[in-house]
N, C-alpha and C. Protein backbone atom coordinates (compact mmCIF):
# COMPACT_ATOMS: atom_id res chain seq x y z
N MET A 1 0.73 -1.29 -0.24
CA MET A 1 -0.09 -0.17 0.06
C MET A 1 0.92 1.36 -0.14
N GLY A 2 0.54 2.12 -0.82
CA GLY A 2 1.22 3.66 -0.65
C GLY A 2 2.41 3.28 -1.69
N ARG A 3 2.58 2.30 -2.44
CA ARG A 3 3.42 2.63 -3.48
C ARG A 3 2.80 2.44 -4.86
N ALA A 4 3.44 3.11 -5.60
CA ALA A 4 2.88 3.03 -7.24
C ALA A 4 4.18 2.40 -8.47
N ARG A 5 3.89 1.51 -8.89
CA ARG A 5 4.99 1.42 -10.38
C ARG A 5 5.75 2.31 -10.78
N VAL A 6 6.72 2.66 -11.32
CA VAL A 6 6.64 3.65 -12.57
C VAL A 6 6.97 3.28 -14.02
N ALA A 7 8.12 2.01 -13.41
CA ALA A 7 8.72 1.21 -14.76
C ALA A 7 9.30 -0.36 -13.82
N ASP A 8 9.82 -0.65 -14.87
CA ASP A 8 10.82 -1.61 -13.99
C ASP A 8 11.90 -1.50 -13.52
N HIS A 9 11.31 -1.77 -11.88
CA HIS A 9 12.66 -1.73 -10.85
C HIS A 9 12.23 -0.58 -10.21
N HIS A 10 10.97 0.69 -10.77
CA HIS A 10 11.20 1.59 -9.97
C HIS A 10 10.07 1.40 -9.42
N GLU A 11 9.54 2.25 -7.98
CA GLU A 11 8.39 2.23 -7.68
C GLU A 11 8.88 3.98 -6.54
N ILE A 12 7.34 4.27 -6.17
CA ILE A 12 7.50 5.43 -5.76
C ILE A 12 6.47 5.71 -4.55
N VAL A 13 7.36 6.11 -3.56
CA VAL A 13 6.92 5.64 -2.26
C VAL A 13 6.42 7.28 -2.02
N ARG A 14 5.99 7.27 -0.04
CA ARG A 14 5.72 8.64 0.11
C ARG A 14 7.20 8.40 1.25
N LEU A 15 7.36 9.93 1.22
CA LEU A 15 8.45 10.02 2.04
C LEU A 15 7.91 10.41 3.83
N GLY A 16 8.73 9.92 4.54
CA GLY A 16 8.37 10.15 6.02
C GLY A 16 9.27 11.31 6.75
N ALA A 17 8.64 11.71 7.49
CA ALA A 17 9.68 12.77 8.60
C ALA A 17 11.37 11.93 8.88
N ASP A 18 10.35 10.70 9.10
CA ASP A 18 11.92 9.91 9.74
C ASP A 18 12.84 8.85 8.84
N SER A 19 12.47 9.35 8.08
CA SER A 19 12.83 8.42 6.65
C SER A 19 14.50 8.86 6.53
N PRO A 20 15.02 7.68 6.44
CA PRO A 20 16.80 7.72 6.30
C PRO A 20 17.20 8.46 4.95
N HIS A 21 16.12 8.73 3.98
CA HIS A 21 16.54 9.49 3.03
C HIS A 21 16.25 11.03 2.75
N LEU A 22 15.74 11.56 3.86
CA LEU A 22 15.58 12.79 3.72
C LEU A 22 16.52 13.49 3.74
N ALA A 23 17.84 12.99 4.41
CA ALA A 23 18.52 14.05 4.08
C ALA A 23 19.44 14.36 2.81
N ARG A 24 18.64 12.86 2.37
CA ARG A 24 19.79 13.18 0.63
C ARG A 24 18.74 14.01 0.15
N VAL A 25 17.49 13.52 -0.09
CA VAL A 25 16.55 14.51 -0.67
C VAL A 25 16.63 15.94 -0.71
N ALA A 26 16.76 16.41 0.89
CA ALA A 26 17.06 18.04 1.05
C ALA A 26 18.35 18.01 0.66
N ALA A 27 19.29 17.37 0.05
CA ALA A 27 20.51 17.78 -0.39
C ALA A 27 20.29 18.04 -1.63
N TRP A 28 19.57 17.33 -2.30
CA TRP A 28 19.30 17.45 -3.92
C TRP A 28 18.85 18.55 -4.07
N GLN A 29 17.45 19.07 -3.15
CA GLN A 29 16.72 19.93 -3.06
C GLN A 29 17.56 21.44 -3.48
N HIS A 30 18.56 21.11 -2.10
CA HIS A 30 19.14 22.43 -1.86
C HIS A 30 20.30 22.58 -3.17
N ALA A 31 21.04 21.70 -3.82
CA ALA A 31 21.58 21.99 -4.95
C ALA A 31 21.13 22.07 -6.02
N GLU A 32 20.14 21.87 -6.28
CA GLU A 32 19.15 21.87 -7.30
C GLU A 32 18.75 23.56 -7.53
N TRP A 33 17.83 24.00 -5.77
CA TRP A 33 16.76 24.92 -6.32
C TRP A 33 17.29 26.18 -4.98
N ALA A 34 18.64 26.08 -4.56
CA ALA A 34 19.03 27.03 -3.57
C ALA A 34 19.42 28.92 -3.90
N HIS A 35 19.57 28.59 -5.38
CA HIS A 35 19.50 30.38 -5.94
C HIS A 35 18.17 30.65 -6.07
N LEU A 36 16.87 29.70 -5.95
CA LEU A 36 15.71 30.63 -5.92
C LEU A 36 14.95 30.74 -4.33
N SER A 37 15.71 30.09 -3.34
CA SER A 37 15.55 30.46 -1.72
C SER A 37 16.89 31.00 -1.73
N PRO A 38 16.82 32.50 -1.69
CA PRO A 38 18.01 32.98 -0.70
C PRO A 38 18.03 33.09 0.66
N GLY A 39 19.36 32.89 1.37
CA GLY A 39 19.19 32.70 2.48
C GLY A 39 19.01 31.44 3.21
N GLU A 40 18.64 30.06 2.05
CA GLU A 40 18.13 29.13 2.43
C GLU A 40 19.32 28.27 2.98
N THR A 41 19.86 27.31 4.11
CA THR A 41 20.86 26.27 4.52
C THR A 41 20.60 25.02 3.60
N LEU A 42 21.40 24.45 3.88
CA LEU A 42 21.04 22.75 3.85
C LEU A 42 20.10 22.52 4.92
N ALA A 43 20.58 23.08 6.20
CA ALA A 43 19.62 22.29 7.46
C ALA A 43 18.70 23.28 7.66
N SER A 44 18.23 24.17 7.05
CA SER A 44 16.89 24.94 7.28
C SER A 44 16.16 24.02 5.87
N ARG A 45 16.51 24.03 5.08
CA ARG A 45 15.89 23.03 3.64
C ARG A 45 15.37 21.48 4.34
N ARG A 46 16.68 21.01 5.07
CA ARG A 46 15.92 19.68 5.80
C ARG A 46 15.12 19.75 6.69
N ALA A 47 15.09 21.04 7.48
CA ALA A 47 13.59 21.33 8.69
C ALA A 47 12.56 21.44 7.64
N ALA A 48 12.77 22.01 6.74
CA ALA A 48 11.62 22.46 6.11
C ALA A 48 10.73 21.21 5.27
N LEU A 49 11.80 19.93 4.75
CA LEU A 49 11.38 19.25 3.96
C LEU A 49 10.68 18.23 5.10
N ARG A 50 11.31 18.23 6.30
CA ARG A 50 10.64 17.34 7.32
C ARG A 50 9.23 17.59 7.71
N GLY A 51 8.98 19.30 7.61
CA GLY A 51 7.71 19.71 8.07
C GLY A 51 6.71 19.62 6.66
N GLU A 52 7.06 19.28 5.50
CA GLU A 52 6.18 18.87 4.17
C GLU A 52 6.02 17.12 4.07
N CYS A 53 6.61 16.64 5.04
CA CYS A 53 5.96 15.37 4.86
C CYS A 53 4.96 14.57 5.25
N GLY A 54 4.27 15.05 5.26
CA GLY A 54 2.51 14.74 5.85
C GLY A 54 2.50 13.12 5.31
N PRO A 55 1.07 12.97 6.10
CA PRO A 55 0.48 11.78 5.86
C PRO A 55 -0.17 11.38 4.99
N ALA A 56 -0.83 12.34 4.46
CA ALA A 56 -1.52 12.51 3.28
C ALA A 56 -2.09 13.62 2.68
N GLY A 57 -2.70 14.13 1.33
CA GLY A 57 -2.95 15.36 1.12
C GLY A 57 -1.74 16.23 1.12
N ILE A 58 -2.10 17.72 1.57
CA ILE A 58 -1.12 18.70 1.89
C ILE A 58 -0.85 18.97 2.88
N PRO A 59 0.66 18.83 3.10
CA PRO A 59 1.94 18.53 2.51
C PRO A 59 1.95 17.26 2.25
N SER A 60 2.74 16.68 0.97
CA SER A 60 3.44 15.46 0.99
C SER A 60 4.35 15.24 0.01
N VAL A 61 5.66 14.58 0.28
CA VAL A 61 6.82 14.66 -0.44
C VAL A 61 6.65 12.96 -0.92
N PHE A 62 6.95 12.64 -2.00
CA PHE A 62 7.25 11.26 -2.44
C PHE A 62 8.66 11.01 -2.94
N LEU A 63 9.03 9.82 -3.14
CA LEU A 63 10.52 9.42 -3.37
C LEU A 63 10.12 8.36 -4.27
N ALA A 64 10.85 8.30 -5.82
CA ALA A 64 11.40 7.26 -6.54
C ALA A 64 12.23 6.33 -6.26
N LEU A 65 12.02 5.14 -5.85
CA LEU A 65 13.41 3.99 -5.60
C LEU A 65 13.29 3.65 -6.86
N ALA A 66 14.78 3.19 -7.43
CA ALA A 66 14.83 2.35 -8.39
C ALA A 66 16.11 1.26 -7.49
N LEU A 67 15.47 0.06 -7.63
CA LEU A 67 16.00 -1.17 -6.75
C LEU A 67 16.26 -0.79 -5.44
N GLY A 68 15.34 -0.15 -4.81
CA GLY A 68 15.61 0.48 -3.45
C GLY A 68 16.30 1.55 -3.34
N ARG A 69 17.05 1.60 -4.26
CA ARG A 69 17.58 3.22 -3.99
C ARG A 69 17.16 4.26 -4.61
N PRO A 70 16.91 5.31 -3.81
CA PRO A 70 16.12 6.95 -4.16
C PRO A 70 17.08 7.60 -5.15
N VAL A 71 16.06 7.91 -6.27
CA VAL A 71 16.54 8.15 -7.66
C VAL A 71 15.61 9.26 -8.36
N GLY A 72 14.75 10.18 -7.54
CA GLY A 72 13.61 11.17 -7.65
C GLY A 72 12.83 11.57 -6.58
N THR A 73 12.46 12.92 -6.92
CA THR A 73 11.45 13.06 -5.77
C THR A 73 10.53 14.15 -6.18
N ALA A 74 9.07 14.47 -5.30
CA ALA A 74 8.44 15.64 -6.14
C ALA A 74 7.15 15.70 -4.80
N SER A 75 6.66 16.93 -5.00
CA SER A 75 5.85 17.23 -3.32
C SER A 75 4.85 17.71 -4.03
N LEU A 76 4.05 17.92 -2.86
CA LEU A 76 2.82 18.81 -3.20
C LEU A 76 2.79 19.25 -1.82
N VAL A 77 2.78 20.91 -2.18
CA VAL A 77 2.87 21.94 -1.03
C VAL A 77 1.53 22.90 -0.92
N ALA A 78 1.70 23.84 -0.05
CA ALA A 78 0.70 24.86 -0.05
C ALA A 78 1.09 25.93 -1.03
N HIS A 79 2.18 26.32 -1.00
CA HIS A 79 2.48 27.46 -1.41
C HIS A 79 4.17 27.19 -1.93
N ASP A 80 4.65 27.78 -3.21
CA ASP A 80 6.07 27.59 -3.61
C ASP A 80 6.27 28.71 -4.39
N LEU A 81 5.42 29.66 -4.78
CA LEU A 81 6.11 30.89 -5.21
C LEU A 81 5.86 32.04 -4.46
N ASP A 82 6.76 32.66 -3.80
CA ASP A 82 6.30 33.74 -3.32
C ASP A 82 5.83 34.93 -3.46
N PRO A 83 5.82 35.17 -4.82
CA PRO A 83 5.38 36.55 -5.34
C PRO A 83 3.74 36.20 -5.90
N ARG A 84 3.37 34.55 -5.91
CA ARG A 84 1.98 34.47 -5.87
C ARG A 84 1.45 33.81 -4.74
N PRO A 85 1.01 34.57 -3.62
CA PRO A 85 0.80 33.84 -2.64
C PRO A 85 -0.96 32.96 -2.32
N ALA A 86 -1.75 34.00 -3.38
CA ALA A 86 -2.92 33.71 -3.44
C ALA A 86 -3.03 32.09 -4.56
N LEU A 87 -2.24 31.60 -5.10
CA LEU A 87 -2.19 30.50 -5.91
C LEU A 87 -1.73 29.45 -4.87
N SER A 88 -2.72 28.19 -4.78
CA SER A 88 -2.45 26.91 -4.24
C SER A 88 -3.06 26.10 -4.53
N PRO A 89 -2.95 24.87 -4.07
CA PRO A 89 -1.78 24.24 -4.09
C PRO A 89 -0.83 23.73 -5.29
N TRP A 90 0.59 23.52 -4.95
CA TRP A 90 1.56 23.30 -5.80
C TRP A 90 2.06 22.32 -5.62
N LEU A 91 2.24 21.81 -7.26
CA LEU A 91 3.58 20.82 -7.50
C LEU A 91 4.73 20.90 -7.48
N ALA A 92 5.66 20.42 -6.47
CA ALA A 92 6.92 21.02 -6.42
C ALA A 92 8.26 20.26 -6.28
N SER A 93 9.27 20.86 -6.66
CA SER A 93 10.70 20.04 -6.02
C SER A 93 10.47 18.75 -6.72
N VAL A 94 10.04 18.50 -8.45
CA VAL A 94 9.95 17.50 -8.95
C VAL A 94 11.80 17.89 -9.55
N TYR A 95 12.60 16.33 -8.80
CA TYR A 95 13.94 16.65 -9.18
C TYR A 95 14.31 14.79 -9.59
N VAL A 96 15.09 14.44 -10.81
CA VAL A 96 15.41 12.84 -10.50
C VAL A 96 17.20 13.09 -11.06
N LEU A 97 17.56 12.20 -10.54
CA LEU A 97 19.19 12.07 -10.72
C LEU A 97 19.64 12.18 -12.19
N PRO A 98 20.38 12.58 -12.50
CA PRO A 98 20.79 13.09 -14.00
C PRO A 98 20.85 11.18 -15.00
N GLU A 99 21.16 10.62 -14.02
CA GLU A 99 21.33 9.23 -14.78
C GLU A 99 20.66 8.29 -14.45
N TRP A 100 19.25 9.00 -14.01
CA TRP A 100 18.07 7.76 -14.25
C TRP A 100 17.03 8.50 -15.18
N ARG A 101 17.29 10.10 -15.73
CA ARG A 101 16.41 10.79 -16.34
C ARG A 101 16.55 10.10 -17.79
N GLY A 102 15.16 10.22 -18.58
CA GLY A 102 14.57 9.73 -19.49
C GLY A 102 14.23 8.51 -19.68
N GLN A 103 13.75 7.70 -18.18
CA GLN A 103 12.96 6.21 -18.11
C GLN A 103 11.44 6.56 -17.20
N GLY A 104 10.75 8.14 -17.19
CA GLY A 104 9.48 7.94 -17.09
C GLY A 104 9.55 8.71 -15.76
N ILE A 105 10.12 8.36 -14.60
CA ILE A 105 10.51 8.69 -13.43
C ILE A 105 9.76 10.27 -12.98
N ALA A 106 10.15 11.10 -13.75
CA ALA A 106 9.69 12.14 -13.36
C ALA A 106 8.62 12.32 -13.58
N SER A 107 7.51 11.50 -14.89
CA SER A 107 6.46 11.53 -15.59
C SER A 107 5.64 10.62 -14.03
N GLY A 108 6.22 9.80 -13.81
CA GLY A 108 5.22 9.03 -12.30
C GLY A 108 4.99 9.77 -11.58
N LEU A 109 6.17 10.55 -11.08
CA LEU A 109 6.45 11.41 -10.13
C LEU A 109 4.94 12.48 -9.61
N VAL A 110 5.06 12.91 -11.08
CA VAL A 110 4.35 13.87 -11.60
C VAL A 110 2.66 13.57 -11.21
N ARG A 111 2.45 12.43 -11.92
CA ARG A 111 1.07 12.12 -11.93
C ARG A 111 0.87 11.56 -10.25
N ARG A 112 2.23 10.99 -9.45
CA ARG A 112 1.88 10.50 -8.12
C ARG A 112 1.02 11.49 -7.04
N VAL A 113 1.59 12.97 -7.55
CA VAL A 113 1.47 14.31 -7.14
C VAL A 113 -0.29 14.46 -7.25
N GLU A 114 -0.29 14.21 -8.36
CA GLU A 114 -1.56 14.80 -9.21
C GLU A 114 -2.50 13.59 -8.64
N ALA A 115 -2.34 12.56 -8.31
CA ALA A 115 -3.45 11.54 -7.72
C ALA A 115 -3.57 11.71 -6.43
N GLU A 116 -2.64 12.21 -5.63
CA GLU A 116 -2.75 12.76 -3.96
C GLU A 116 -3.64 13.95 -4.22
N ALA A 117 -3.57 14.80 -5.05
CA ALA A 117 -4.14 15.70 -5.17
C ALA A 117 -5.54 15.39 -4.98
N ALA A 118 -5.73 14.86 -6.53
CA ALA A 118 -7.27 14.53 -7.01
C ALA A 118 -7.59 13.61 -5.87
N GLY A 119 -7.25 12.74 -5.32
CA GLY A 119 -8.06 11.75 -4.13
C GLY A 119 -7.76 12.85 -2.79
N ASN A 120 -7.62 13.91 -2.89
CA ASN A 120 -8.10 14.95 -1.74
C ASN A 120 -8.66 15.90 -2.10
N ARG A 121 -9.71 15.77 -3.63
CA ARG A 121 -10.41 16.68 -3.81
C ARG A 121 -10.05 18.13 -4.54
N ILE A 122 -9.01 18.09 -4.67
CA ILE A 122 -8.33 19.23 -5.09
C ILE A 122 -8.49 19.27 -6.80
N GLY A 123 -8.72 20.27 -7.11
CA GLY A 123 -9.24 20.44 -8.46
C GLY A 123 -8.27 21.03 -9.41
N ARG A 124 -7.26 21.58 -9.03
CA ARG A 124 -6.22 22.59 -9.59
C ARG A 124 -4.91 22.32 -9.34
N LEU A 125 -3.73 22.19 -10.07
CA LEU A 125 -2.40 22.78 -9.31
C LEU A 125 -1.31 23.58 -10.02
N TYR A 126 -0.37 24.04 -9.30
CA TYR A 126 0.12 24.93 -10.06
C TYR A 126 1.67 24.61 -9.68
N LEU A 127 2.53 24.98 -10.62
CA LEU A 127 3.76 24.49 -10.64
C LEU A 127 4.82 25.99 -11.47
N PHE A 128 5.89 26.18 -10.95
CA PHE A 128 7.02 26.83 -11.88
C PHE A 128 8.14 26.10 -12.27
N THR A 129 8.69 26.48 -13.65
CA THR A 129 9.56 25.74 -13.99
C THR A 129 10.40 27.06 -14.90
N PRO A 130 11.77 26.75 -14.96
CA PRO A 130 12.82 27.78 -15.88
C PRO A 130 12.66 26.99 -17.45
N ASP A 131 13.11 25.47 -16.96
CA ASP A 131 13.11 24.78 -18.16
C ASP A 131 12.84 23.52 -19.11
N GLN A 132 11.85 23.23 -17.81
CA GLN A 132 11.15 21.74 -18.23
C GLN A 132 9.18 21.84 -18.76
N GLN A 133 9.22 22.85 -19.36
CA GLN A 133 7.81 23.09 -19.79
C GLN A 133 7.30 22.55 -20.77
N ALA A 134 8.33 21.53 -21.94
CA ALA A 134 7.89 21.13 -22.49
C ALA A 134 7.27 19.65 -21.81
N LEU A 135 8.18 19.03 -20.77
CA LEU A 135 8.03 17.97 -19.95
C LEU A 135 6.04 17.98 -19.52
N TYR A 136 6.20 19.03 -18.86
CA TYR A 136 4.61 19.49 -18.22
C TYR A 136 3.71 19.46 -19.48
N ARG A 137 3.92 20.38 -20.59
CA ARG A 137 3.20 20.53 -21.25
C ARG A 137 2.22 18.67 -21.83
N ARG A 138 3.26 18.05 -22.14
CA ARG A 138 3.19 16.84 -22.39
C ARG A 138 2.33 16.06 -21.20
N LEU A 139 2.47 16.59 -20.39
CA LEU A 139 1.37 15.67 -19.01
C LEU A 139 0.14 16.24 -18.62
N GLY A 140 -0.01 17.69 -19.69
CA GLY A 140 -1.42 18.46 -19.87
C GLY A 140 -1.37 19.46 -18.83
N TRP A 141 -0.58 19.84 -18.53
CA TRP A 141 -0.14 21.35 -17.54
C TRP A 141 -0.40 22.13 -19.11
N GLN A 142 -0.81 23.25 -18.93
CA GLN A 142 -1.09 24.80 -19.25
C GLN A 142 -0.11 26.30 -18.82
N ASP A 143 0.48 26.47 -19.90
CA ASP A 143 1.14 27.76 -19.05
C ASP A 143 0.09 29.07 -18.91
N HIS A 144 0.70 29.51 -17.19
CA HIS A 144 -0.37 30.48 -17.05
C HIS A 144 0.36 31.79 -17.01
N GLU A 145 1.63 32.02 -17.00
CA GLU A 145 2.23 33.24 -16.82
C GLU A 145 3.50 32.80 -17.38
N THR A 146 4.64 34.06 -17.37
CA THR A 146 6.16 33.85 -17.08
C THR A 146 6.34 35.18 -16.62
N LEU A 147 7.35 35.11 -15.55
CA LEU A 147 7.78 36.03 -14.62
C LEU A 147 9.05 35.71 -14.41
N VAL A 148 9.44 36.87 -13.62
CA VAL A 148 11.05 36.51 -13.19
C VAL A 148 11.33 36.26 -11.87
N HIS A 149 12.12 35.08 -11.45
CA HIS A 149 11.81 34.93 -10.07
C HIS A 149 13.25 35.16 -9.40
N HIS A 150 13.87 35.73 -8.47
CA HIS A 150 14.70 35.83 -7.77
C HIS A 150 16.55 35.35 -9.80
N GLY A 151 15.68 36.74 -10.34
CA GLY A 151 16.94 36.59 -11.24
C GLY A 151 16.47 35.75 -12.51
N GLU A 152 15.75 34.39 -12.16
CA GLU A 152 15.43 33.67 -13.20
C GLU A 152 13.86 33.54 -14.49
N THR A 153 13.79 33.50 -15.53
CA THR A 153 12.87 33.35 -16.03
C THR A 153 11.84 31.96 -15.77
N VAL A 154 11.01 32.14 -15.12
CA VAL A 154 10.38 30.88 -15.27
C VAL A 154 8.65 30.89 -15.62
N THR A 155 8.14 30.10 -16.02
CA THR A 155 6.73 29.16 -16.31
C THR A 155 5.87 29.23 -15.19
N LEU A 156 4.59 29.79 -14.82
CA LEU A 156 4.04 29.05 -14.34
C LEU A 156 2.87 28.65 -14.79
N MET A 157 2.62 27.46 -14.26
CA MET A 157 1.92 26.64 -15.06
C MET A 157 0.96 26.15 -14.15
N ILE A 158 -0.36 26.06 -14.80
CA ILE A 158 -1.44 25.12 -14.31
C ILE A 158 -2.49 24.03 -14.81
N ARG A 159 -2.71 22.70 -14.04
CA ARG A 159 -3.09 21.64 -14.11
C ARG A 159 -4.55 21.64 -13.78
N ARG A 160 -5.49 21.25 -14.39
CA ARG A 160 -6.75 21.43 -13.91
C ARG A 160 -6.86 19.48 -13.83
N LEU A 161 -7.43 19.12 -12.62
CA LEU A 161 -7.51 17.64 -12.34
C LEU A 161 -8.79 17.53 -12.17
N PRO A 162 -9.33 16.10 -12.88
CA PRO A 162 -10.77 15.17 -13.19
C PRO A 162 -10.92 15.17 -11.37
N LEU A 163 -11.88 15.22 -10.99
CA LEU A 163 -12.16 14.39 -9.31
C LEU A 163 -12.93 13.56 -9.85
N GLN A 164 -12.82 12.55 -8.83
CA GLN A 164 -13.80 11.22 -9.15
C GLN A 164 -14.89 11.70 -8.50
N GLY A 165 -16.04 11.15 -9.35
CA GLY A 165 -17.51 11.44 -8.63
C GLY A 165 -17.95 12.72 -8.95
N SER A 166 -17.07 13.48 -9.90
CA SER A 166 -17.49 14.88 -10.65
C SER A 166 -18.53 14.85 -11.68
């Protein structure tokens, strides 16, 4: 229970606050996006991530495992883009180790977050990305606006989710 198969030898699991993988995921996030969170340290990223590891709904963090080894992550969080505080919730922190890219892991992580949102009666998600617009468009996301965030041009995207029983 709580596991989704992505591809051969890949699965997606919920990351718990007490997971031995939490420090590694925080390090990935800090290395990849520290420039978008000025003043954030690795220790503060680890503490924030621990707080995002909810049991269901918002917040939630998911971990892709390949043969038991962490290879990717994605989160469902209430807020992710300071200049747009009214927009919520967000698909955030989608990351796959470079050597594991191109195998559908990111798509699987995105779909898992979307399923978590839809299962909690959330009909709309947001994300922002500087360079992965094509991936998200293939997965049904639409461009919402372009803006500059901490000196980087990003695309804010939206996804309307079908709700079961609607």
